[in-house]
């Protein structure tokens, strides 16, 4: 009698495993952090409340008019495209902010229209 009960329990266990192994689970979509809040003034680009995933994003500024150029400056770094360094971020921080100075080619105030692109990794 005991052996028939054990055999019955063993068969039930095997059939449950067989049912679990057939089938598939599919997920679609992605998990996304909100982006940085951007503010642009005449001389400064601010990225505020950036999530940790924004570290390494590329910030670029492009002049839309002919003959005009602009440079981003942050500390000793400068160029038309910079990587977000997140230098102010410490372990445990949920967000960080960065500021870039915008300069024309002759270190004069910017004139004309410019396109600022933040490309997240």
PDB file of N, CA and C in Angstrom:
ATOM      1  N   UNK A   1       0.816  -1.190   0.000  1.00  0.00           N
ATOM      2  CA  UNK A   1       0.000   0.000   0.000  1.00  0.00           C
ATOM      3  C   UNK A   1       0.865   1.261   0.000  1.00  0.00           C
ATOM      4  N   UNK A   2       1.931   1.221   0.818  1.00  0.00           N
ATOM      5  CA  UNK A   2       2.823   2.367   0.879  1.00  0.00           C
ATOM      6  C   UNK A   2       3.498   2.607  -0.463  1.00  0.00           C
ATOM      7  N   UNK A   3       3.901   1.561  -1.119  1.00  0.00           N
ATOM      8  CA  UNK A   3       4.589   1.729  -2.394  1.00  0.00           C
ATOM      9  C   UNK A   3       3.666   2.297  -3.463  1.00  0.00           C
ATOM     10  N   UNK A   4       2.395   1.955  -3.440  1.00  0.00           N
ATOM     11  CA  UNK A   4       1.470   2.506  -4.429  1.00  0.00           C
ATOM     12  C   UNK A   4       1.214   3.998  -4.175  1.00  0.00           C
ATOM     13  N   UNK A   5       1.195   4.417  -2.911  1.00  0.00           N
ATOM     14  CA  UNK A   5       1.022   5.842  -2.590  1.00  0.00           C
ATOM     15  C   UNK A   5       2.253   6.621  -3.044  1.00  0.00           C
ATOM     16  N   UNK A   6       3.463   6.077  -2.782  1.00  0.00           N
ATOM     17  CA  UNK A   6       4.686   6.729  -3.216  1.00  0.00           C
ATOM     18  C   UNK A   6       4.739   6.835  -4.737  1.00  0.00           C
ATOM     19  N   UNK A   7       4.322   5.772  -5.432  1.00  0.00           N
ATOM     20  CA  UNK A   7       4.307   5.788  -6.882  1.00  0.00           C
ATOM     21  C   UNK A   7       3.333   6.836  -7.405  1.00  0.00           C
ATOM     22  N   UNK A   8       2.191   6.956  -6.757  1.00  0.00           N
ATOM     23  CA  UNK A   8       1.186   7.948  -7.146  1.00  0.00           C
ATOM     24  C   UNK A   8       1.733   9.366  -6.952  1.00  0.00           C
ATOM     25  N   UNK A   9       2.395   9.634  -5.810  1.00  0.00           N
ATOM     26  CA  UNK A   9       2.969  10.952  -5.524  1.00  0.00           C
ATOM     27  C   UNK A   9       4.088  11.256  -6.514  1.00  0.00           C
ATOM     28  N   UNK A  10       4.914  10.265  -6.831  1.00  0.00           N
ATOM     29  CA  UNK A  10       6.005  10.457  -7.780  1.00  0.00           C
ATOM     30  C   UNK A  10       5.465  10.782  -9.163  1.00  0.00           C
ATOM     31  N   UNK A  11       4.432  10.118  -9.606  1.00  0.00           N
ATOM     32  CA  UNK A  11       3.843  10.393 -10.911  1.00  0.00           C
ATOM     33  C   UNK A  11       3.232  11.786 -10.971  1.00  0.00           C
ATOM     34  N   UNK A  12       2.598  12.192  -9.881  1.00  0.00           N
ATOM     35  CA  UNK A  12       2.013  13.536  -9.838  1.00  0.00           C
ATOM     36  C   UNK A  12       3.107  14.606  -9.906  1.00  0.00           C
ATOM     37  N   UNK A  13       4.219  14.355  -9.226  1.00  0.00           N
ATOM     38  CA  UNK A  13       5.339  15.313  -9.255  1.00  0.00           C
ATOM     39  C   UNK A  13       5.926  15.425 -10.648  1.00  0.00           C
ATOM     40  N   UNK A  14       6.090  14.300 -11.325  1.00  0.00           N
ATOM     41  CA  UNK A  14       6.649  14.314 -12.667  1.00  0.00           C
ATOM     42  C   UNK A  14       5.712  14.995 -13.636  1.00  0.00           C
ATOM     43  N   UNK A  15       4.418  14.770 -13.509  1.00  0.00           N
ATOM     44  CA  UNK A  15       3.484  15.414 -14.424  1.00  0.00           C
ATOM     45  C   UNK A  15       3.437  16.923 -14.198  1.00  0.00           C
ATOM     46  N   UNK A  16       3.616  17.382 -12.967  1.00  0.00           N
ATOM     47  CA  UNK A  16       3.647  18.816 -12.693  1.00  0.00           C
ATOM     48  C   UNK A  16       4.894  19.452 -13.327  1.00  0.00           C
ATOM     49  N   UNK A  17       6.018  18.743 -13.263  1.00  0.00           N
ATOM     50  CA  UNK A  17       7.226  19.246 -13.892  1.00  0.00           C
ATOM     51  C   UNK A  17       7.081  19.298 -15.410  1.00  0.00           C
ATOM     52  N   UNK A  18       6.447  18.317 -15.971  1.00  0.00           N
ATOM     53  CA  UNK A  18       6.256  18.285 -17.418  1.00  0.00           C
ATOM     54  C   UNK A  18       5.367  19.440 -17.865  1.00  0.00           C
ATOM     55  N   UNK A  19       4.363  19.755 -17.077  1.00  0.00           N
ATOM     56  CA  UNK A  19       3.490  20.866 -17.434  1.00  0.00           C
ATOM     57  C   UNK A  19       4.223  22.203 -17.319  1.00  0.00           C
ATOM     58  N   UNK A  20       5.087  22.325 -16.328  1.00  0.00           N
ATOM     59  CA  UNK A  20       5.805  23.583 -16.128  1.00  0.00           C
ATOM     60  C   UNK A  20       6.846  23.821 -17.216  1.00  0.00           C
ATOM     61  N   UNK A  21       7.396  22.768 -17.777  1.00  0.00           N
ATOM     62  CA  UNK A  21       8.459  22.961 -18.762  1.00  0.00           C
ATOM     63  C   UNK A  21       7.916  23.294 -20.149  1.00  0.00           C
ATOM     64  N   UNK A  22       6.658  23.045 -20.409  1.00  0.00           N
ATOM     65  CA  UNK A  22       6.115  23.404 -21.718  1.00  0.00           C
ATOM     66  C   UNK A  22       5.459  24.769 -21.627  1.00  0.00           C
ATOM     67  N   UNK A  23       5.742  25.628 -22.574  1.00  0.00           N
ATOM     68  CA  UNK A  23       5.194  26.981 -22.577  1.00  0.00           C
ATOM     69  C   UNK A  23       6.308  27.995 -22.577  1.00  0.00           C
ATOM     70  N   UNK A  24       5.931  29.240 -22.727  1.00  0.00           N
ATOM     71  CA  UNK A  24       6.929  30.305 -22.743  1.00  0.00           C
ATOM     72  C   UNK A  24       6.322  31.569 -22.157  1.00  0.00           C
ATOM     73  N   UNK A  25       7.197  32.408 -21.668  1.00  0.00           N
ATOM     74  CA  UNK A  25       6.797  33.698 -21.119  1.00  0.00           C
ATOM     75  C   UNK A  25       7.508  34.755 -21.947  1.00  0.00           C
ATOM     76  N   UNK A  26       6.789  35.741 -22.419  1.00  0.00           N
ATOM     77  CA  UNK A  26       7.374  36.810 -23.236  1.00  0.00           C
ATOM     78  C   UNK A  26       7.121  38.153 -22.571  1.00  0.00           C
ATOM     79  N   UNK A  27       8.159  38.980 -22.548  1.00  0.00           N
ATOM     80  CA  UNK A  27       8.052  40.342 -22.043  1.00  0.00           C
ATOM     81  C   UNK A  27       8.384  41.294 -23.179  1.00  0.00           C
ATOM     82  N   UNK A  28       7.738  42.426 -23.191  1.00  0.00           N
ATOM     83  CA  UNK A  28       8.100  43.453 -24.159  1.00  0.00           C
ATOM     84  C   UNK A  28       8.158  44.794 -23.444  1.00  0.00           C
ATOM     85  N   UNK A  29       8.854  45.741 -24.045  1.00  0.00           N
ATOM     86  CA  UNK A  29       9.016  47.051 -23.421  1.00  0.00           C
ATOM     87  C   UNK A  29      10.377  47.140 -22.774  1.00  0.00           C
ATOM     88  N   UNK A  30      10.571  48.205 -22.007  1.00  0.00           N
ATOM     89  CA  UNK A  30      11.837  48.397 -21.319  1.00  0.00           C
ATOM     90  C   UNK A  30      11.631  49.268 -20.096  1.00  0.00           C
ATOM     91  N   UNK A  31      12.577  49.198 -19.207  1.00  0.00           N
ATOM     92  CA  UNK A  31      12.547  50.034 -18.008  1.00  0.00           C
ATOM     93  C   UNK A  31      13.337  51.293 -18.333  1.00  0.00           C
ATOM     94  N   UNK A  32      12.740  52.434 -18.118  1.00  0.00           N
ATOM     95  CA  UNK A  32      13.365  53.695 -18.513  1.00  0.00           C
ATOM     96  C   UNK A  32      13.354  54.668 -17.339  1.00  0.00           C
ATOM     97  N   UNK A  33      14.506  55.282 -17.087  1.00  0.00           N
ATOM     98  CA  UNK A  33      14.582  56.366 -16.110  1.00  0.00           C
ATOM     99  C   UNK A  33      14.139  57.649 -16.792  1.00  0.00           C
ATOM    100  N   UNK A  34      13.578  58.569 -16.044  1.00  0.00           N
ATOM    101  CA  UNK A  34      13.269  59.866 -16.648  1.00  0.00           C
ATOM    102  C   UNK A  34      14.580  60.564 -17.010  1.00  0.00           C
ATOM    103  N   UNK A  35      14.545  61.409 -17.999  1.00  0.00           N
ATOM    104  CA  UNK A  35      15.752  62.118 -18.429  1.00  0.00           C
ATOM    105  C   UNK A  35      16.065  63.298 -17.535  1.00  0.00           C
ATOM    106  N   UNK A  36      17.142  63.977 -17.858  1.00  0.00           N
ATOM    107  CA  UNK A  36      17.542  65.176 -17.125  1.00  0.00           C
ATOM    108  C   UNK A  36      16.600  66.324 -17.463  1.00  0.00           C
ATOM    109  N   UNK A  37      16.414  67.207 -16.509  1.00  0.00           N
ATOM    110  CA  UNK A  37      15.706  68.454 -16.761  1.00  0.00           C
ATOM    111  C   UNK A  37      16.740  69.422 -17.322  1.00  0.00           C
ATOM    112  N   UNK A  38      16.481  69.971 -18.502  1.00  0.00           N
ATOM    113  CA  UNK A  38      17.458  70.865 -19.133  1.00  0.00           C
ATOM    114  C   UNK A  38      16.975  72.304 -19.065  1.00  0.00           C
ATOM    115  N   UNK A  39      17.924  73.185 -18.844  1.00  0.00           N
ATOM    116  CA  UNK A  39      17.658  74.633 -18.863  1.00  0.00           C
ATOM    117  C   UNK A  39      18.763  75.277 -19.669  1.00  0.00           C
ATOM    118  N   UNK A  40      18.365  76.119 -20.587  1.00  0.00           N
ATOM    119  CA  UNK A  40      19.326  76.799 -21.441  1.00  0.00           C
ATOM    120  C   UNK A  40      19.141  78.292 -21.299  1.00  0.00           C
ATOM    121  N   UNK A  41      20.204  78.968 -20.903  1.00  0.00           N
ATOM    122  CA  UNK A  41      20.194  80.432 -20.867  1.00  0.00           C
ATOM    123  C   UNK A  41      21.181  80.924 -21.915  1.00  0.00           C
ATOM    124  N   UNK A  42      21.411  82.204 -21.964  1.00  0.00           N
ATOM    125  CA  UNK A  42      22.314  82.772 -22.963  1.00  0.00           C
ATOM    126  C   UNK A  42      23.730  82.216 -22.848  1.00  0.00           C
ATOM    127  N   UNK A  43      24.186  81.952 -21.644  1.00  0.00           N
ATOM    128  CA  UNK A  43      25.577  81.545 -21.447  1.00  0.00           C
ATOM    129  C   UNK A  43      25.751  80.185 -20.784  1.00  0.00           C
ATOM    130  N   UNK A  44      24.641  79.505 -20.410  1.00  0.00           N
ATOM    131  CA  UNK A  44      24.796  78.286 -19.632  1.00  0.00           C
ATOM    132  C   UNK A  44      23.738  77.241 -19.976  1.00  0.00           C
ATOM    133  N   UNK A  45      24.188  75.980 -20.041  1.00  0.00           N
ATOM    134  CA  UNK A  45      23.303  74.838 -20.195  1.00  0.00           C
ATOM    135  C   UNK A  45      23.350  74.067 -18.882  1.00  0.00           C
ATOM    136  N   UNK A  46      22.192  73.854 -18.261  1.00  0.00           N
ATOM    137  CA  UNK A  46      22.122  73.115 -17.005  1.00  0.00           C
ATOM    138  C   UNK A  46      21.377  71.809 -17.229  1.00  0.00           C
ATOM    139  N   UNK A  47      21.947  70.724 -16.733  1.00  0.00           N
ATOM    140  CA  UNK A  47      21.279  69.428 -16.688  1.00  0.00           C
ATOM    141  C   UNK A  47      21.015  69.158 -15.215  1.00  0.00           C
ATOM    142  N   UNK A  48      19.745  69.103 -14.834  1.00  0.00           N
ATOM    143  CA  UNK A  48      19.390  68.966 -13.424  1.00  0.00           C
ATOM    144  C   UNK A  48      18.556  67.719 -13.203  1.00  0.00           C
ATOM    145  N   UNK A  49      18.643  67.175 -12.002  1.00  0.00           N
ATOM    146  CA  UNK A  49      17.886  65.993 -11.583  1.00  0.00           C
ATOM    147  C   UNK A  49      18.097  64.826 -12.550  1.00  0.00           C
ATOM    148  N   UNK A  50      19.350  64.621 -12.952  1.00  0.00           N
ATOM    149  CA  UNK A  50      19.679  63.536 -13.875  1.00  0.00           C
ATOM    150  C   UNK A  50      19.738  62.205 -13.121  1.00  0.00           C
ATOM    151  N   UNK A  51      19.179  61.133 -13.689  1.00  0.00           N
ATOM    152  CA  UNK A  51      19.281  59.823 -13.055  1.00  0.00           C
ATOM    153  C   UNK A  51      20.700  59.271 -13.234  1.00  0.00           C
ATOM    154  N   UNK A  52      21.114  58.333 -12.395  1.00  0.00           N
ATOM    155  CA  UNK A  52      22.459  57.760 -12.537  1.00  0.00           C
ATOM    156  C   UNK A  52      22.722  57.185 -13.931  1.00  0.00           C
ATOM    157  N   UNK A  53      21.689  56.716 -14.613  1.00  0.00           N
ATOM    158  CA  UNK A  53      21.878  56.139 -15.947  1.00  0.00           C
ATOM    159  C   UNK A  53      22.281  57.183 -16.987  1.00  0.00           C
ATOM    160  N   UNK A  54      22.167  58.476 -16.672  1.00  0.00           N
ATOM    161  CA  UNK A  54      22.557  59.530 -17.610  1.00  0.00           C
ATOM    162  C   UNK A  54      24.064  59.752 -17.627  1.00  0.00           C
ATOM    163  N   UNK A  55      24.779  59.151 -16.679  1.00  0.00           N
ATOM    164  CA  UNK A  55      26.236  59.285 -16.671  1.00  0.00           C
ATOM    165  C   UNK A  55      26.777  58.665 -17.960  1.00  0.00           C
ATOM    166  N   UNK A  56      27.603  59.393 -18.663  1.00  0.00           N
ATOM    167  CA  UNK A  56      28.138  58.922 -19.930  1.00  0.00           C
ATOM    168  C   UNK A  56      27.348  59.392 -21.137  1.00  0.00           C
ATOM    169  N   UNK A  57      26.211  60.059 -20.908  1.00  0.00           N
ATOM    170  CA  UNK A  57      25.442  60.603 -22.035  1.00  0.00           C
ATOM    171  C   UNK A  57      26.294  61.639 -22.761  1.00  0.00           C
ATOM    172  N   UNK A  58      26.028  61.829 -24.029  1.00  0.00           N
ATOM    173  CA  UNK A  58      26.759  62.818 -24.830  1.00  0.00           C
ATOM    174  C   UNK A  58      25.927  64.086 -24.934  1.00  0.00           C
ATOM    175  N   UNK A  59      26.541  65.221 -24.648  1.00  0.00           N
ATOM    176  CA  UNK A  59      25.907  66.526 -24.783  1.00  0.00           C
ATOM    177  C   UNK A  59      26.605  67.230 -25.936  1.00  0.00           C
ATOM    178  N   UNK A  60      25.828  67.682 -26.914  1.00  0.00           N
ATOM    179  CA  UNK A  60      26.414  68.336 -28.080  1.00  0.00           C
ATOM    180  C   UNK A  60      25.652  69.613 -28.382  1.00  0.00           C
ATOM    181  N   UNK A  61      26.370  70.614 -28.868  1.00  0.00           N
ATOM    182  CA  UNK A  61      25.753  71.869 -29.289  1.00  0.00           C
ATOM    183  C   UNK A  61      26.196  72.143 -30.725  1.00  0.00           C
ATOM    184  N   UNK A  62      25.222  72.476 -31.560  1.00  0.00           N
ATOM    185  CA  UNK A  62      25.478  72.720 -32.973  1.00  0.00           C
ATOM    186  C   UNK A  62      24.832  74.035 -33.373  1.00  0.00           C
ATOM    187  N   UNK A  63      25.595  74.885 -34.032  1.00  0.00           N
ATOM    188  CA  UNK A  63      25.053  76.145 -34.536  1.00  0.00           C
ATOM    189  C   UNK A  63      24.193  75.864 -35.757  1.00  0.00           C
ATOM    190  N   UNK A  64      23.036  76.488 -35.822  1.00  0.00           N
ATOM    191  CA  UNK A  64      22.147  76.312 -36.959  1.00  0.00           C
ATOM    192  C   UNK A  64      22.401  77.346 -38.047  1.00  0.00           C
ATOM    193  N   UNK A  65      23.132  78.405 -37.723  1.00  0.00           N
ATOM    194  CA  UNK A  65      23.456  79.438 -38.714  1.00  0.00           C
ATOM    195  C   UNK A  65      24.835  79.201 -39.304  1.00  0.00           C
ATOM    196  N   UNK A  66      25.051  79.730 -40.490  1.00  0.00           N
ATOM    197  CA  UNK A  66      26.339  79.583 -41.177  1.00  0.00           C
ATOM    198  C   UNK A  66      27.421  80.406 -40.491  1.00  0.00           C
ATOM    199  N   UNK A  67      28.595  79.836 -40.359  1.00  0.00           N
ATOM    200  CA  UNK A  67      29.739  80.564 -39.825  1.00  0.00           C
ATOM    201  C   UNK A  67      29.753  80.708 -38.317  1.00  0.00           C
ATOM    202  N   UNK A  68      28.759  80.211 -37.625  1.00  0.00           N
ATOM    203  CA  UNK A  68      28.709  80.317 -36.172  1.00  0.00           C
ATOM    204  C   UNK A  68      29.124  78.991 -35.549  1.00  0.00           C
ATOM    205  N   UNK A  69      29.830  79.079 -34.445  1.00  0.00           N
ATOM    206  CA  UNK A  69      30.199  77.878 -33.693  1.00  0.00           C
ATOM    207  C   UNK A  69      29.966  78.154 -32.215  1.00  0.00           C
ATOM    208  N   UNK A  70      29.843  77.089 -31.459  1.00  0.00           N
ATOM    209  CA  UNK A  70      29.677  77.216 -30.016  1.00  0.00           C
ATOM    210  C   UNK A  70      30.483  76.117 -29.343  1.00  0.00           C
ATOM    211  N   UNK A  71      30.952  76.400 -28.143  1.00  0.00           N
ATOM    212  CA  UNK A  71      31.751  75.454 -27.377  1.00  0.00           C
ATOM    213  C   UNK A  71      31.113  75.252 -26.009  1.00  0.00           C
ATOM    214  N   UNK A  72      31.081  74.014 -25.559  1.00  0.00           N
ATOM    215  CA  UNK A  72      30.661  73.687 -24.199  1.00  0.00           C
ATOM    216  C   UNK A  72      31.910  73.663 -23.326  1.00  0.00           C
ATOM    217  N   UNK A  73      31.822  74.258 -22.151  1.00  0.00           N
ATOM    218  CA  UNK A  73      32.933  74.218 -21.204  1.00  0.00           C
ATOM    219  C   UNK A  73      32.434  73.743 -19.854  1.00  0.00           C
ATOM    220  N   UNK A  74      33.227  72.831 -19.275  1.00  0.00           N
ATOM    221  CA  UNK A  74      32.952  72.372 -17.912  1.00  0.00           C
ATOM    222  C   UNK A  74      34.302  72.106 -17.271  1.00  0.00           C
ATOM    223  N   UNK A  75      34.678  72.951 -16.349  1.00  0.00           N
ATOM    224  CA  UNK A  75      36.006  72.824 -15.753  1.00  0.00           C
ATOM    225  C   UNK A  75      37.073  72.966 -16.829  1.00  0.00           C
ATOM    226  N   UNK A  76      37.981  72.005 -16.902  1.00  0.00           N
ATOM    227  CA  UNK A  76      39.032  72.030 -17.910  1.00  0.00           C
ATOM    228  C   UNK A  76      38.630  71.398 -19.225  1.00  0.00           C
ATOM    229  N   UNK A  77      37.445  70.835 -19.291  1.00  0.00           N
ATOM    230  CA  UNK A  77      37.000  70.185 -20.528  1.00  0.00           C
ATOM    231  C   UNK A  77      36.263  71.181 -21.411  1.00  0.00           C
ATOM    232  N   UNK A  78      36.453  71.067 -22.712  1.00  0.00           N
ATOM    233  CA  UNK A  78      35.707  71.921 -23.634  1.00  0.00           C
ATOM    234  C   UNK A  78      35.622  71.237 -25.000  1.00  0.00           C
ATOM    235  N   UNK A  79      34.585  71.564 -25.742  1.00  0.00           N
ATOM    236  CA  UNK A  79      34.385  71.017 -27.074  1.00  0.00           C
ATOM    237  C   UNK A  79      32.940  71.188 -27.499  1.00  0.00           C
ATOM    238  N   UNK A  80      32.651  70.809 -28.736  1.00  0.00           N
ATOM    239  CA  UNK A  80      31.274  70.890 -29.214  1.00  0.00           C
ATOM    240  C   UNK A  80      30.460  69.704 -28.725  1.00  0.00           C
ATOM    241  N   UNK A  81      31.141  68.653 -28.253  1.00  0.00           N
ATOM    242  CA  UNK A  81      30.467  67.488 -27.674  1.00  0.00           C
ATOM    243  C   UNK A  81      31.251  67.031 -26.456  1.00  0.00           C
ATOM    244  N   UNK A  82      30.554  66.825 -25.328  1.00  0.00           N
ATOM    245  CA  UNK A  82      31.187  66.344 -24.105  1.00  0.00           C
ATOM    246  C   UNK A  82      30.375  65.192 -23.527  1.00  0.00           C
ATOM    247  N   UNK A  83      31.043  64.303 -22.817  1.00  0.00           N
ATOM    248  CA  UNK A  83      30.350  63.231 -22.098  1.00  0.00           C
ATOM    249  C   UNK A  83      29.959  63.746 -20.723  1.00  0.00           C
ATOM    250  N   UNK A  84      28.788  63.360 -20.264  1.00  0.00           N
ATOM    251  CA  UNK A  84      28.326  63.746 -18.929  1.00  0.00           C
ATOM    252  C   UNK A  84      29.154  62.957 -17.920  1.00  0.00           C
ATOM    253  N   UNK A  85      29.931  63.659 -17.105  1.00  0.00           N
ATOM    254  CA  UNK A  85      30.864  63.012 -16.194  1.00  0.00           C
ATOM    255  C   UNK A  85      30.246  62.674 -14.839  1.00  0.00           C
ATOM    256  N   UNK A  86      29.208  63.368 -14.446  1.00  0.00           N
ATOM    257  CA  UNK A  86      28.552  63.145 -13.143  1.00  0.00           C
ATOM    258  C   UNK A  86      29.559  63.234 -11.999  1.00  0.00           C
ATOM    259  N   UNK A  87      30.408  64.239 -12.027  1.00  0.00           N
ATOM    260  CA  UNK A  87      31.434  64.402 -10.997  1.00  0.00           C
ATOM    261  C   UNK A  87      30.857  64.693  -9.622  1.00  0.00           C
ATOM    262  N   UNK A  88      29.684  65.320  -9.571  1.00  0.00           N
ATOM    263  CA  UNK A  88      29.099  65.679  -8.280  1.00  0.00           C
ATOM    264  C   UNK A  88      28.351  64.523  -7.642  1.00  0.00           C
ATOM    265  N   UNK A  89      28.236  63.405  -8.347  1.00  0.00           N
ATOM    266  CA  UNK A  89      27.470  62.272  -7.835  1.00  0.00           C
ATOM    267  C   UNK A  89      28.296  61.457  -6.847  1.00  0.00           C
ATOM    268  N   UNK A  90      27.677  61.143  -5.697  1.00  0.00           N
ATOM    269  CA  UNK A  90      28.316  60.322  -4.664  1.00  0.00           C
ATOM    270  C   UNK A  90      27.548  59.019  -4.530  1.00  0.00           C
ATOM    271  N   UNK A  91      28.163  58.035  -3.913  1.00  0.00           N
ATOM    272  CA  UNK A  91      27.500  56.743  -3.693  1.00  0.00           C
ATOM    273  C   UNK A  91      26.202  56.965  -2.927  1.00  0.00           C
ATOM    274  N   UNK A  92      25.131  56.380  -3.406  1.00  0.00           N
ATOM    275  CA  UNK A  92      23.826  56.512  -2.754  1.00  0.00           C
ATOM    276  C   UNK A  92      22.968  57.640  -3.286  1.00  0.00           C
ATOM    277  N   UNK A  93      23.541  58.549  -4.088  1.00  0.00           N
ATOM    278  CA  UNK A  93      22.748  59.640  -4.673  1.00  0.00           C
ATOM    279  C   UNK A  93      21.774  59.081  -5.701  1.00  0.00           C
ATOM    280  N   UNK A  94      20.589  59.645  -5.746  1.00  0.00           N
ATOM    281  CA  UNK A  94      19.578  59.226  -6.708  1.00  0.00           C
ATOM    282  C   UNK A  94      19.580  60.086  -7.963  1.00  0.00           C
ATOM    283  N   UNK A  95      20.265  61.231  -7.916  1.00  0.00           N
ATOM    284  CA  UNK A  95      20.342  62.102  -9.083  1.00  0.00           C
ATOM    285  C   UNK A  95      21.570  63.005  -8.956  1.00  0.00           C
ATOM    286  N   UNK A  96      21.879  63.680 -10.055  1.00  0.00           N
ATOM    287  CA  UNK A  96      22.995  64.624 -10.055  1.00  0.00           C
ATOM    288  C   UNK A  96      22.678  65.748 -11.032  1.00  0.00           C
ATOM    289  N   UNK A  97      23.466  66.800 -10.982  1.00  0.00           N
ATOM    290  CA  UNK A  97      23.303  67.950 -11.880  1.00  0.00           C
ATOM    291  C   UNK A  97      24.662  68.344 -12.438  1.00  0.00           C
ATOM    292  N   UNK A  98      24.655  68.897 -13.646  1.00  0.00           N
ATOM    293  CA  UNK A  98      25.875  69.418 -14.266  1.00  0.00           C
ATOM    294  C   UNK A  98      25.553  70.711 -14.980  1.00  0.00           C
ATOM    295  N   UNK A  99      26.558  71.573 -15.077  1.00  0.00           N
ATOM    296  CA  UNK A  99      26.408  72.848 -15.782  1.00  0.00           C
ATOM    297  C   UNK A  99      27.528  73.000 -16.788  1.00  0.00           C
ATOM    298  N   UNK A 100      27.173  73.544 -17.931  1.00  0.00           N
ATOM    299  CA  UNK A 100      28.131  73.792 -18.990  1.00  0.00           C
ATOM    300  C   UNK A 100      28.034  75.263 -19.385  1.00  0.00           C
ATOM    301  N   UNK A 101      29.166  75.881 -19.541  1.00  0.00           N
ATOM    302  CA  UNK A 101      29.196  77.256 -20.038  1.00  0.00           C
ATOM    303  C   UNK A 101      29.180  77.182 -21.560  1.00  0.00           C
ATOM    304  N   UNK A 102      28.377  78.016 -22.185  1.00  0.00           N
ATOM    305  CA  UNK A 102      28.303  78.083 -23.644  1.00  0.00           C
ATOM    306  C   UNK A 102      29.065  79.315 -24.117  1.00  0.00           C
ATOM    307  N   UNK A 103      29.980  79.104 -25.045  1.00  0.00           N
ATOM    308  CA  UNK A 103      30.777  80.213 -25.569  1.00  0.00           C
ATOM    309  C   UNK A 103      30.792  80.179 -27.082  1.00  0.00           C
ATOM    310  N   UNK A 104      30.777  81.357 -27.676  1.00  0.00           N
ATOM    311  CA  UNK A 104      30.968  81.475 -29.122  1.00  0.00           C
ATOM    312  C   UNK A 104      32.456  81.328 -29.407  1.00  0.00           C
ATOM    313  N   UNK A 105      32.808  81.265 -30.655  1.00  0.00           N
ATOM    314  CA  UNK A 105      34.205  81.039 -31.027  1.00  0.00           C
ATOM    315  C   UNK A 105      35.138  82.138 -30.512  1.00  0.00           C
ATOM    316  N   UNK A 106      34.676  83.350 -30.379  1.00  0.00           N
ATOM    317  CA  UNK A 106      35.509  84.462 -29.914  1.00  0.00           C
ATOM    318  C   UNK A 106      35.259  84.787 -28.440  1.00  0.00           C
ATOM    319  N   UNK A 107      34.691  83.848 -27.699  1.00  0.00           N
ATOM    320  CA  UNK A 107      34.332  84.039 -26.276  1.00  0.00           C
ATOM    321  C   UNK A 107      33.382  85.214 -26.096  1.00  0.00           C
ATOM    322  N   UNK A 108      32.492  85.373 -27.031  1.00  0.00           N
ATOM    323  CA  UNK A 108      31.471  86.409 -26.959  1.00  0.00           C
ATOM    324  C   UNK A 108      30.134  85.739 -26.671  1.00  0.00           C
ATOM    325  N   UNK A 109      29.108  86.511 -26.300  1.00  0.00           N
ATOM    326  CA  UNK A 109      27.786  85.909 -26.094  1.00  0.00           C
ATOM    327  C   UNK A 109      27.302  85.240 -27.384  1.00  0.00           C
ATOM    328  N   UNK A 110      26.597  84.160 -27.221  1.00  0.00           N
ATOM    329  CA  UNK A 110      26.079  83.441 -28.383  1.00  0.00           C
ATOM    330  C   UNK A 110      25.001  84.254 -29.078  1.00  0.00           C
ATOM    331  N   UNK A 111      25.010  84.191 -30.392  1.00  0.00           N
ATOM    332  CA  UNK A 111      23.970  84.825 -31.195  1.00  0.00           C
ATOM    333  C   UNK A 111      23.459  83.797 -32.173  1.00  0.00           C
ATOM    334  N   UNK A 112      22.217  83.917 -32.562  1.00  0.00           N
ATOM    335  CA  UNK A 112      21.661  82.980 -33.528  1.00  0.00           C
ATOM    336  C   UNK A 112      20.996  81.799 -32.848  1.00  0.00           C
ATOM    337  N   UNK A 113      20.742  80.770 -33.641  1.00  0.00           N
ATOM    338  CA  UNK A 113      20.038  79.584 -33.142  1.00  0.00           C
ATOM    339  C   UNK A 113      21.012  78.411 -33.019  1.00  0.00           C
ATOM    340  N   UNK A 114      20.844  77.648 -31.950  1.00  0.00           N
ATOM    341  CA  UNK A 114      21.690  76.495 -31.687  1.00  0.00           C
ATOM    342  C   UNK A 114      20.819  75.302 -31.319  1.00  0.00           C
ATOM    343  N   UNK A 115      21.286  74.132 -31.683  1.00  0.00           N
ATOM    344  CA  UNK A 115      20.618  72.884 -31.348  1.00  0.00           C
ATOM    345  C   UNK A 115      21.433  72.201 -30.270  1.00  0.00           C
ATOM    346  N   UNK A 116      20.801  71.873 -29.139  1.00  0.00           N
ATOM    347  CA  UNK A 116      21.468  71.153 -28.063  1.00  0.00           C
ATOM    348  C   UNK A 116      20.857  69.760 -28.006  1.00  0.00           C
ATOM    349  N   UNK A 117      21.714  68.730 -28.089  1.00  0.00           N
ATOM    350  CA  UNK A 117      21.251  67.342 -28.082  1.00  0.00           C
ATOM    351  C   UNK A 117      21.894  66.621 -26.906  1.00  0.00           C
ATOM    352  N   UNK A 118      21.064  65.927 -26.109  1.00  0.00           N
ATOM    353  CA  UNK A 118      21.553  65.066 -25.038  1.00  0.00           C
ATOM    354  C   UNK A 118      21.220  63.648 -25.462  1.00  0.00           C
ATOM    355  N   UNK A 119      22.259  62.866 -25.764  1.00  0.00           N
ATOM    356  CA  UNK A 119      22.095  61.502 -26.276  1.00  0.00           C
ATOM    357  C   UNK A 119      22.414  60.523 -25.151  1.00  0.00           C
ATOM    358  N   UNK A 120      21.369  59.881 -24.629  1.00  0.00           N
ATOM    359  CA  UNK A 120      21.524  58.956 -23.508  1.00  0.00           C
ATOM    360  C   UNK A 120      22.025  57.594 -23.994  1.00  0.00           C
ATOM    361  N   UNK A 121      22.873  56.935 -23.165  1.00  0.00           N
ATOM    362  CA  UNK A 121      23.366  55.604 -23.561  1.00  0.00           C
ATOM    363  C   UNK A 121      22.268  54.560 -23.540  1.00  0.00           C
TER     364      UNK A 121
END
